[in-house]
């Protein structure tokens, strides 16, 4: 199911019960995430979301996620619900 939420650009929202939204914010949030993910977070912008995998200290995959630029120093991450702890 998707819906048009009436913004300047066509935006579709897909409802997925198995995913969660996690927000991280702060002055150094991108610097912190840079070493944790498989993507260059400097490429994240208001027009460019990123698909990445979060890694443990041994560089093994923990889960996949999507990163979206939020407001100010905020990053919105969409990940499988089971991993949003």
N, C-alpha and C. Protein backbone atom coordinates (compact mmCIF):
# COMPACT_ATOMS: atom_id res chain seq x y z
N UNK A 1 0.84 -1.18 0.00
CA UNK A 1 0.00 0.00 0.00
C UNK A 1 0.89 1.24 0.00
N UNK A 2 0.56 2.19 -0.82
CA UNK A 2 1.29 3.45 -0.82
C UNK A 2 0.29 4.59 -0.92
N UNK A 3 0.73 5.77 -0.54
CA UNK A 3 -0.17 6.91 -0.56
C UNK A 3 0.59 8.15 -0.97
N UNK A 4 -0.08 9.06 -1.65
CA UNK A 4 0.50 10.34 -2.03
C UNK A 4 0.25 11.29 -0.86
N UNK A 5 1.32 11.88 -0.27
CA UNK A 5 1.14 12.71 0.91
C UNK A 5 1.13 14.20 0.57
N UNK A 6 1.00 14.53 -0.71
CA UNK A 6 0.74 15.89 -1.14
C UNK A 6 1.87 16.89 -0.95
N UNK A 7 3.10 16.55 -1.24
CA UNK A 7 4.20 17.50 -1.19
C UNK A 7 4.44 18.04 -2.59
N UNK A 8 5.40 18.94 -2.73
CA UNK A 8 5.70 19.52 -4.03
C UNK A 8 6.07 18.46 -5.06
N UNK A 9 6.78 17.44 -4.62
CA UNK A 9 7.17 16.34 -5.49
C UNK A 9 6.31 15.14 -5.12
N UNK A 10 6.12 14.26 -6.06
CA UNK A 10 5.35 13.05 -5.76
C UNK A 10 6.14 12.20 -4.77
N UNK A 11 5.54 11.91 -3.67
CA UNK A 11 6.19 11.08 -2.64
C UNK A 11 5.28 9.91 -2.36
N UNK A 12 5.82 8.75 -2.39
CA UNK A 12 5.05 7.55 -2.08
C UNK A 12 5.58 6.98 -0.78
N UNK A 13 4.66 6.59 0.08
CA UNK A 13 5.03 5.99 1.35
C UNK A 13 4.59 4.54 1.31
N UNK A 14 5.52 3.65 1.49
CA UNK A 14 5.20 2.22 1.52
C UNK A 14 5.18 1.77 2.98
N UNK A 15 4.09 1.21 3.40
CA UNK A 15 3.96 0.74 4.77
C UNK A 15 4.59 -0.64 4.88
N UNK A 16 5.55 -0.77 5.75
CA UNK A 16 6.25 -2.04 5.98
C UNK A 16 6.27 -2.29 7.48
N UNK A 17 5.57 -3.28 7.92
CA UNK A 17 5.50 -3.59 9.34
C UNK A 17 6.78 -4.20 9.89
N UNK A 18 7.63 -4.71 9.02
CA UNK A 18 8.83 -5.38 9.50
C UNK A 18 10.06 -4.47 9.58
N UNK A 19 9.88 -3.17 9.37
CA UNK A 19 10.99 -2.23 9.45
C UNK A 19 10.73 -1.20 10.54
N UNK A 20 11.80 -0.67 11.12
CA UNK A 20 11.71 0.36 12.15
C UNK A 20 12.51 1.58 11.72
N UNK A 21 12.17 2.70 12.32
CA UNK A 21 12.88 3.95 12.07
C UNK A 21 13.68 4.29 13.31
N UNK A 22 14.97 4.53 13.12
CA UNK A 22 15.87 4.92 14.20
C UNK A 22 16.48 6.26 13.81
N UNK A 23 16.45 7.21 14.73
CA UNK A 23 17.04 8.52 14.47
C UNK A 23 18.27 8.71 15.34
N UNK A 24 19.30 9.28 14.74
CA UNK A 24 20.52 9.63 15.47
C UNK A 24 20.80 11.10 15.17
N UNK A 25 21.24 11.82 16.18
CA UNK A 25 21.51 13.24 15.95
C UNK A 25 22.69 13.70 16.79
N UNK A 26 23.21 14.82 16.41
CA UNK A 26 24.34 15.41 17.12
C UNK A 26 25.33 15.99 16.14
N UNK A 27 26.17 16.83 16.65
CA UNK A 27 27.13 17.53 15.81
C UNK A 27 28.05 16.58 15.04
N UNK A 28 28.40 15.44 15.63
CA UNK A 28 29.37 14.53 15.03
C UNK A 28 28.75 13.21 14.59
N UNK A 29 27.44 13.18 14.35
CA UNK A 29 26.77 11.92 14.02
C UNK A 29 27.32 11.28 12.75
N UNK A 30 27.59 12.07 11.71
CA UNK A 30 28.13 11.50 10.48
C UNK A 30 29.54 10.98 10.67
N UNK A 31 30.34 11.69 11.43
CA UNK A 31 31.70 11.24 11.71
C UNK A 31 31.67 9.90 12.45
N UNK A 32 30.77 9.76 13.41
CA UNK A 32 30.63 8.51 14.16
C UNK A 32 30.18 7.37 13.24
N UNK A 33 29.19 7.62 12.40
CA UNK A 33 28.67 6.57 11.54
C UNK A 33 29.65 6.17 10.44
N UNK A 34 30.55 7.07 10.05
CA UNK A 34 31.47 6.80 8.95
C UNK A 34 32.24 5.50 9.13
N UNK A 35 32.70 5.21 10.30
CA UNK A 35 33.48 3.99 10.52
C UNK A 35 32.64 2.76 10.83
N UNK A 36 31.34 2.93 10.92
CA UNK A 36 30.45 1.83 11.29
C UNK A 36 29.73 1.20 10.09
N UNK A 37 29.71 1.90 8.97
CA UNK A 37 28.90 1.50 7.82
C UNK A 37 29.75 1.21 6.59
N UNK A 38 29.13 0.53 5.63
CA UNK A 38 29.83 0.19 4.39
C UNK A 38 29.74 1.29 3.34
N UNK A 39 29.10 2.39 3.63
CA UNK A 39 28.98 3.51 2.69
C UNK A 39 29.75 4.72 3.19
N UNK A 40 30.10 5.58 2.25
CA UNK A 40 30.68 6.88 2.59
C UNK A 40 29.53 7.80 2.96
N UNK A 41 29.34 8.07 4.24
CA UNK A 41 28.19 8.86 4.68
C UNK A 41 28.28 10.32 4.25
N UNK A 42 29.44 10.76 3.78
CA UNK A 42 29.56 12.12 3.26
C UNK A 42 28.74 12.29 1.99
N UNK A 43 28.34 11.20 1.34
CA UNK A 43 27.52 11.26 0.13
C UNK A 43 26.04 11.46 0.47
N UNK A 44 25.68 11.35 1.73
CA UNK A 44 24.30 11.53 2.16
C UNK A 44 23.91 13.00 2.01
N UNK A 45 22.76 13.24 1.41
CA UNK A 45 22.26 14.61 1.26
C UNK A 45 20.74 14.58 1.31
N UNK A 46 20.14 15.74 1.28
CA UNK A 46 18.67 15.79 1.32
C UNK A 46 18.06 15.20 0.05
N UNK A 47 18.86 15.07 -1.00
CA UNK A 47 18.38 14.50 -2.26
C UNK A 47 18.90 13.09 -2.51
N UNK A 48 19.74 12.56 -1.62
CA UNK A 48 20.36 11.27 -1.86
C UNK A 48 20.36 10.42 -0.59
N UNK A 49 19.52 9.41 -0.56
CA UNK A 49 19.54 8.44 0.54
C UNK A 49 20.63 7.42 0.24
N UNK A 50 21.04 6.69 1.25
CA UNK A 50 22.08 5.67 1.07
C UNK A 50 21.60 4.32 1.58
N UNK A 51 21.98 3.27 0.89
CA UNK A 51 21.78 1.90 1.36
C UNK A 51 23.13 1.46 1.92
N UNK A 52 23.14 0.91 3.12
CA UNK A 52 24.40 0.51 3.74
C UNK A 52 24.19 -0.72 4.61
N UNK A 53 25.29 -1.26 5.06
CA UNK A 53 25.29 -2.35 6.02
C UNK A 53 26.08 -1.87 7.23
N UNK A 54 25.54 -2.09 8.41
CA UNK A 54 26.26 -1.73 9.63
C UNK A 54 27.13 -2.92 10.03
N UNK A 55 28.35 -2.61 10.45
CA UNK A 55 29.34 -3.65 10.75
C UNK A 55 29.66 -3.70 12.24
N UNK A 56 30.05 -4.88 12.71
CA UNK A 56 30.54 -4.99 14.09
C UNK A 56 32.04 -4.67 14.08
N UNK A 57 32.70 -4.63 15.24
CA UNK A 57 34.13 -4.28 15.28
C UNK A 57 35.03 -5.22 14.47
N UNK A 58 34.57 -6.44 14.19
CA UNK A 58 35.34 -7.37 13.38
C UNK A 58 34.99 -7.26 11.89
N UNK A 59 34.24 -6.23 11.53
CA UNK A 59 33.83 -5.94 10.15
C UNK A 59 32.88 -6.99 9.59
N UNK A 60 32.12 -7.64 10.44
CA UNK A 60 31.09 -8.58 9.98
C UNK A 60 29.75 -7.85 9.96
N UNK A 61 28.94 -8.17 8.97
CA UNK A 61 27.65 -7.51 8.79
C UNK A 61 26.71 -7.81 9.95
N UNK A 62 26.07 -6.76 10.44
CA UNK A 62 25.04 -6.91 11.48
C UNK A 62 23.67 -6.83 10.83
N UNK A 63 23.43 -5.79 10.06
CA UNK A 63 22.14 -5.63 9.37
C UNK A 63 22.26 -4.60 8.26
N UNK A 64 21.32 -4.65 7.35
CA UNK A 64 21.22 -3.64 6.30
C UNK A 64 20.38 -2.49 6.81
N UNK A 65 20.55 -1.32 6.20
CA UNK A 65 19.72 -0.19 6.55
C UNK A 65 19.78 0.86 5.45
N UNK A 66 18.82 1.75 5.51
CA UNK A 66 18.78 2.91 4.62
C UNK A 66 18.98 4.15 5.46
N UNK A 67 19.80 5.06 4.99
CA UNK A 67 20.04 6.32 5.69
C UNK A 67 19.41 7.45 4.90
N UNK A 68 18.73 8.34 5.63
CA UNK A 68 18.09 9.50 5.04
C UNK A 68 18.50 10.71 5.87
N UNK A 69 18.83 11.80 5.19
CA UNK A 69 19.19 13.03 5.90
C UNK A 69 17.95 13.61 6.55
N UNK A 70 17.99 13.79 7.86
CA UNK A 70 16.89 14.41 8.58
C UNK A 70 17.11 15.89 8.70
N UNK A 71 16.51 16.48 9.70
CA UNK A 71 16.66 17.92 9.93
C UNK A 71 17.97 18.20 10.66
N UNK A 72 18.61 19.29 10.31
CA UNK A 72 19.86 19.75 10.96
C UNK A 72 20.87 18.62 11.06
N UNK A 73 21.27 18.25 12.27
CA UNK A 73 22.28 17.21 12.49
C UNK A 73 21.64 15.86 12.78
N UNK A 74 20.61 15.52 12.02
CA UNK A 74 19.87 14.29 12.27
C UNK A 74 19.98 13.34 11.08
N UNK A 75 20.16 12.06 11.37
CA UNK A 75 20.16 11.03 10.35
C UNK A 75 19.05 10.05 10.73
N UNK A 76 18.22 9.72 9.74
CA UNK A 76 17.15 8.77 9.92
C UNK A 76 17.58 7.46 9.28
N UNK A 77 17.50 6.38 10.06
CA UNK A 77 17.89 5.07 9.56
C UNK A 77 16.68 4.15 9.57
N UNK A 78 16.46 3.47 8.46
CA UNK A 78 15.36 2.51 8.35
C UNK A 78 15.99 1.14 8.27
N UNK A 79 15.67 0.29 9.24
CA UNK A 79 16.30 -1.02 9.31
C UNK A 79 15.28 -2.09 9.70
N UNK A 80 15.63 -3.36 9.50
CA UNK A 80 14.72 -4.42 9.92
C UNK A 80 14.39 -4.28 11.40
N UNK A 81 13.13 -4.48 11.72
CA UNK A 81 12.65 -4.27 13.09
C UNK A 81 13.41 -5.09 14.12
N UNK A 82 13.78 -6.29 13.77
CA UNK A 82 14.49 -7.16 14.71
C UNK A 82 15.86 -6.62 15.11
N UNK A 83 16.44 -5.74 14.28
CA UNK A 83 17.77 -5.20 14.54
C UNK A 83 17.73 -3.79 15.14
N UNK A 84 16.57 -3.21 15.31
CA UNK A 84 16.45 -1.83 15.80
C UNK A 84 16.43 -1.81 17.31
N UNK A 85 17.54 -2.17 17.91
CA UNK A 85 17.61 -2.23 19.37
C UNK A 85 18.47 -1.10 19.89
